[in-house]
Amino acid sequence: MKSVAICGSRRFKPQIRKFTDQLKKKGVIVFEPFLRPGEEDGSWNSLDEYDKRFVALGLTHDHFHKIKMADVVYIYNKDGYSGVSTTMEIAYAVAFAKPIYAYSDKDDEYCRKVFFRGIVKTPRELVRYLK
């Protein structure tokens, strides 16, 4: 079984966690993003701008490393939404010639959309591409 790096916005945290849990139950090696807590626990807001910069830098490099290790990259872009970080992750995956699959084809940005090999809605569908 191949491995997959999951990319997506923190706004989809519950859906991404559910998707990755289902992949793991199917025996897939999953490199998931660190979906840091948000404003709900106050930890991010308690950091000053200087510290936020280094936390963001560390998380970005961490996820780039996960993409580099994975066989396939999956973009969880519900309703076509990909933020700045996800867009950078797509570019990084392209630079390493990783196959990229996405949840939605509704992305209005062709510079992202052209790199998707396919649209995959469920973990079961994605597993078929991993064999």
C-alpha atoms as a PDB file:
ATOM      1  CA  MET A   1       0.000   0.000   0.000  1.00  0.00           C
ATOM      2  CA  LYS A   2       1.264   3.454  -0.869  1.00  0.00           C
ATOM      3  CA  SER A   3       1.341   6.451   1.440  1.00  0.00           C
ATOM      4  CA  VAL A   4      -0.607   9.678   1.148  1.00  0.00           C
ATOM      5  CA  ALA A   5      -0.015  13.201   2.417  1.00  0.00           C
ATOM      6  CA  ILE A   6      -3.240  15.033   3.191  1.00  0.00           C
ATOM      7  CA  CYS A   7      -3.396  18.794   2.601  1.00  0.00           C
ATOM      8  CA  GLY A   8      -6.226  21.169   3.362  1.00  0.00           C
ATOM      9  CA  SER A   9      -7.446  24.155   5.274  1.00  0.00           C
ATOM     10  CA  ARG A  10      -7.851  24.168   9.043  1.00  0.00           C
ATOM     11  CA  ARG A  11     -11.476  25.177   8.421  1.00  0.00           C
ATOM     12  CA  PHE A  12     -12.050  21.560   7.363  1.00  0.00           C
ATOM     13  CA  LYS A  13     -10.322  20.075  10.412  1.00  0.00           C
ATOM     14  CA  PRO A  14     -13.160  17.692  11.448  1.00  0.00           C
ATOM     15  CA  GLN A  15     -13.669  16.431   7.892  1.00  0.00           C
ATOM     16  CA  ILE A  16      -9.941  15.964   7.295  1.00  0.00           C
ATOM     17  CA  ARG A  17      -9.566  14.051  10.564  1.00  0.00           C
ATOM     18  CA  LYS A  18     -12.490  11.777   9.651  1.00  0.00           C
ATOM     19  CA  PHE A  19     -11.058  11.212   6.140  1.00  0.00           C
ATOM     20  CA  THR A  20      -7.585  10.367   7.485  1.00  0.00           C
ATOM     21  CA  ASP A  21      -9.015   8.043  10.158  1.00  0.00           C
ATOM     22  CA  GLN A  22     -10.906   6.119   7.485  1.00  0.00           C
ATOM     23  CA  LEU A  23      -7.758   5.816   5.351  1.00  0.00           C
ATOM     24  CA  LYS A  24      -5.771   4.520   8.325  1.00  0.00           C
ATOM     25  CA  LYS A  25      -8.439   1.887   9.010  1.00  0.00           C
ATOM     26  CA  LYS A  26      -7.882   0.681   5.439  1.00  0.00           C
ATOM     27  CA  GLY A  27      -4.162   0.244   6.130  1.00  0.00           C
ATOM     28  CA  VAL A  28      -2.961   3.393   4.358  1.00  0.00           C
ATOM     29  CA  ILE A  29       0.088   5.215   5.685  1.00  0.00           C
ATOM     30  CA  VAL A  30      -1.160   8.768   6.147  1.00  0.00           C
ATOM     31  CA  PHE A  31       0.945  11.878   6.623  1.00  0.00           C
ATOM     32  CA  GLU A  32      -1.566  14.366   7.934  1.00  0.00           C
ATOM     33  CA  PRO A  33      -1.250  18.075   8.550  1.00  0.00           C
ATOM     34  CA  PHE A  34      -0.842  19.400  12.043  1.00  0.00           C
ATOM     35  CA  LEU A  35      -4.138  21.221  12.266  1.00  0.00           C
ATOM     36  CA  ARG A  36      -3.199  23.537  15.071  1.00  0.00           C
ATOM     37  CA  PRO A  37      -5.846  24.671  17.479  1.00  0.00           C
ATOM     38  CA  GLY A  38      -7.480  27.895  16.528  1.00  0.00           C
ATOM     39  CA  GLU A  39      -8.957  30.719  18.421  1.00  0.00           C
ATOM     40  CA  GLU A  40     -11.158  28.313  20.370  1.00  0.00           C
ATOM     41  CA  ASP A  41      -8.419  27.503  22.890  1.00  0.00           C
ATOM     42  CA  GLY A  42      -6.548  30.799  22.719  1.00  0.00           C
ATOM     43  CA  SER A  43      -3.112  29.233  22.241  1.00  0.00           C
ATOM     44  CA  TRP A  44      -2.437  30.807  18.844  1.00  0.00           C
ATOM     45  CA  ASN A  45      -3.694  34.204  19.936  1.00  0.00           C
ATOM     46  CA  SER A  46      -1.445  34.118  22.998  1.00  0.00           C
ATOM     47  CA  LEU A  47       1.654  34.136  20.777  1.00  0.00           C
ATOM     48  CA  ASP A  48       3.246  37.376  19.716  1.00  0.00           C
ATOM     49  CA  GLU A  49       3.845  38.029  16.005  1.00  0.00           C
ATOM     50  CA  TYR A  50       7.504  37.024  16.234  1.00  0.00           C
ATOM     51  CA  ASP A  51       6.633  33.602  17.669  1.00  0.00           C
ATOM     52  CA  LYS A  52       3.749  33.078  15.243  1.00  0.00           C
ATOM     53  CA  ARG A  53       6.191  33.529  12.383  1.00  0.00           C
ATOM     54  CA  PHE A  54       8.430  30.722  13.609  1.00  0.00           C
ATOM     55  CA  VAL A  55       5.585  28.390  14.491  1.00  0.00           C
ATOM     56  CA  ALA A  56       4.141  28.876  10.996  1.00  0.00           C
ATOM     57  CA  LEU A  57       7.578  28.325   9.448  1.00  0.00           C
ATOM     58  CA  GLY A  58       8.076  25.105  11.383  1.00  0.00           C
ATOM     59  CA  LEU A  59       4.635  23.764  10.505  1.00  0.00           C
ATOM     60  CA  THR A  60       5.134  24.604   6.831  1.00  0.00           C
ATOM     61  CA  HIS A  61       8.483  22.827   6.633  1.00  0.00           C
ATOM     62  CA  ASP A  62       7.071  19.881   8.579  1.00  0.00           C
ATOM     63  CA  HIS A  63       4.276  19.422   6.072  1.00  0.00           C
ATOM     64  CA  PHE A  64       6.616  19.878   3.107  1.00  0.00           C
ATOM     65  CA  HIS A  65       8.675  17.000   4.516  1.00  0.00           C
ATOM     66  CA  LYS A  66       5.536  14.849   4.769  1.00  0.00           C
ATOM     67  CA  ILE A  67       4.683  15.615   1.141  1.00  0.00           C
ATOM     68  CA  LYS A  68       8.196  14.653   0.074  1.00  0.00           C
ATOM     69  CA  MET A  69       7.906  11.297   1.900  1.00  0.00           C
ATOM     70  CA  ALA A  70       4.455  10.423   0.525  1.00  0.00           C
ATOM     71  CA  ASP A  71       3.711   8.563  -2.685  1.00  0.00           C
ATOM     72  CA  VAL A  72       0.533  10.540  -3.369  1.00  0.00           C
ATOM     73  CA  VAL A  73      -0.861  13.909  -2.245  1.00  0.00           C
ATOM     74  CA  TYR A  74      -4.549  14.427  -1.513  1.00  0.00           C
ATOM     75  CA  ILE A  75      -6.053  17.906  -1.375  1.00  0.00           C
ATOM     76  CA  TYR A  76      -9.123  18.209   0.813  1.00  0.00           C
ATOM     77  CA  ASN A  77     -10.623  21.257  -0.898  1.00  0.00           C
ATOM     78  CA  LYS A  78     -14.314  21.098  -0.057  1.00  0.00           C
ATOM     79  CA  ASP A  79     -16.345  23.432  -2.282  1.00  0.00           C
ATOM     80  CA  GLY A  80     -13.117  24.139  -4.186  1.00  0.00           C
ATOM     81  CA  TYR A  81     -11.473  26.059  -1.348  1.00  0.00           C
ATOM     82  CA  SER A  82      -7.690  25.970  -1.066  1.00  0.00           C
ATOM     83  CA  GLY A  83      -5.981  28.581   1.056  1.00  0.00           C
ATOM     84  CA  VAL A  84      -2.495  29.992   0.756  1.00  0.00           C
ATOM     85  CA  SER A  85      -0.792  27.130   2.620  1.00  0.00           C
ATOM     86  CA  THR A  86      -2.572  24.472   0.573  1.00  0.00           C
ATOM     87  CA  THR A  87      -1.639  26.285  -2.629  1.00  0.00           C
ATOM     88  CA  MET A  88       2.024  26.253  -1.560  1.00  0.00           C
ATOM     89  CA  GLU A  89       1.729  22.541  -0.738  1.00  0.00           C
ATOM     90  CA  ILE A  90       0.326  21.824  -4.202  1.00  0.00           C
ATOM     91  CA  ALA A  91       3.298  23.625  -5.764  1.00  0.00           C
ATOM     92  CA  TYR A  92       5.708  21.693  -3.562  1.00  0.00           C
ATOM     93  CA  ALA A  93       4.078  18.397  -4.567  1.00  0.00           C
ATOM     94  CA  VAL A  94       4.340  19.375  -8.236  1.00  0.00           C
ATOM     95  CA  ALA A  95       8.049  20.169  -7.808  1.00  0.00           C
ATOM     96  CA  PHE A  96       8.580  16.597  -6.568  1.00  0.00           C
ATOM     97  CA  ALA A  97       6.365  15.090  -9.306  1.00  0.00           C
ATOM     98  CA  LYS A  98       3.853  13.701  -6.807  1.00  0.00           C
ATOM     99  CA  PRO A  99       0.472  12.557  -8.142  1.00  0.00           C
ATOM    100  CA  ILE A 100      -2.175  14.903  -6.731  1.00  0.00           C
ATOM    101  CA  TYR A 101      -5.832  14.047  -6.193  1.00  0.00           C
ATOM    102  CA  ALA A 102      -8.460  16.414  -4.864  1.00  0.00           C
ATOM    103  CA  TYR A 103     -11.857  16.312  -3.228  1.00  0.00           C
ATOM    104  CA  SER A 104     -13.439  18.964  -5.461  1.00  0.00           C
ATOM    105  CA  ASP A 105     -13.060  20.177  -9.030  1.00  0.00           C
ATOM    106  CA  LYS A 106     -14.883  23.443  -8.258  1.00  0.00           C
ATOM    107  CA  ASP A 107     -11.606  25.325  -7.839  1.00  0.00           C
ATOM    108  CA  ASP A 108     -11.770  28.529  -9.890  1.00  0.00           C
ATOM    109  CA  GLU A 109      -7.969  28.824  -9.935  1.00  0.00           C
ATOM    110  CA  TYR A 110      -6.744  26.926 -12.995  1.00  0.00           C
ATOM    111  CA  CYS A 111      -3.142  27.110 -11.798  1.00  0.00           C
ATOM    112  CA  ARG A 112      -4.136  24.713  -8.996  1.00  0.00           C
ATOM    113  CA  LYS A 113      -6.778  22.686 -10.787  1.00  0.00           C
ATOM    114  CA  VAL A 114      -4.583  21.659 -13.728  1.00  0.00           C
ATOM    115  CA  PHE A 115      -2.370  19.610 -11.399  1.00  0.00           C
ATOM    116  CA  PHE A 116      -5.158  17.353 -10.096  1.00  0.00           C
ATOM    117  CA  ARG A 117      -5.006  13.871 -11.618  1.00  0.00           C
ATOM    118  CA  GLY A 118      -8.469  13.090 -10.440  1.00  0.00           C
ATOM    119  CA  ILE A 119     -11.338  14.008  -8.189  1.00  0.00           C
ATOM    120  CA  VAL A 120     -11.791  11.606  -5.291  1.00  0.00           C
ATOM    121  CA  LYS A 121     -14.637  11.988  -2.798  1.00  0.00           C
ATOM    122  CA  THR A 122     -14.098   9.071  -0.411  1.00  0.00           C
ATOM    123  CA  PRO A 123     -11.249   7.207   1.263  1.00  0.00           C
ATOM    124  CA  ARG A 124     -12.432   4.042  -0.504  1.00  0.00           C
ATOM    125  CA  GLU A 125     -11.982   5.721  -3.906  1.00  0.00           C
ATOM    126  CA  LEU A 126      -8.541   7.032  -2.959  1.00  0.00           C
ATOM    127  CA  VAL A 127      -7.376   3.558  -1.890  1.00  0.00           C
ATOM    128  CA  ARG A 128      -7.990   2.355  -5.471  1.00  0.00           C
ATOM    129  CA  TYR A 129      -5.415   4.872  -6.706  1.00  0.00           C
ATOM    130  CA  LEU A 130      -2.895   3.803  -4.073  1.00  0.00           C
ATOM    131  CA  LYS A 131      -2.515   0.187  -5.168  1.00  0.00           C
END
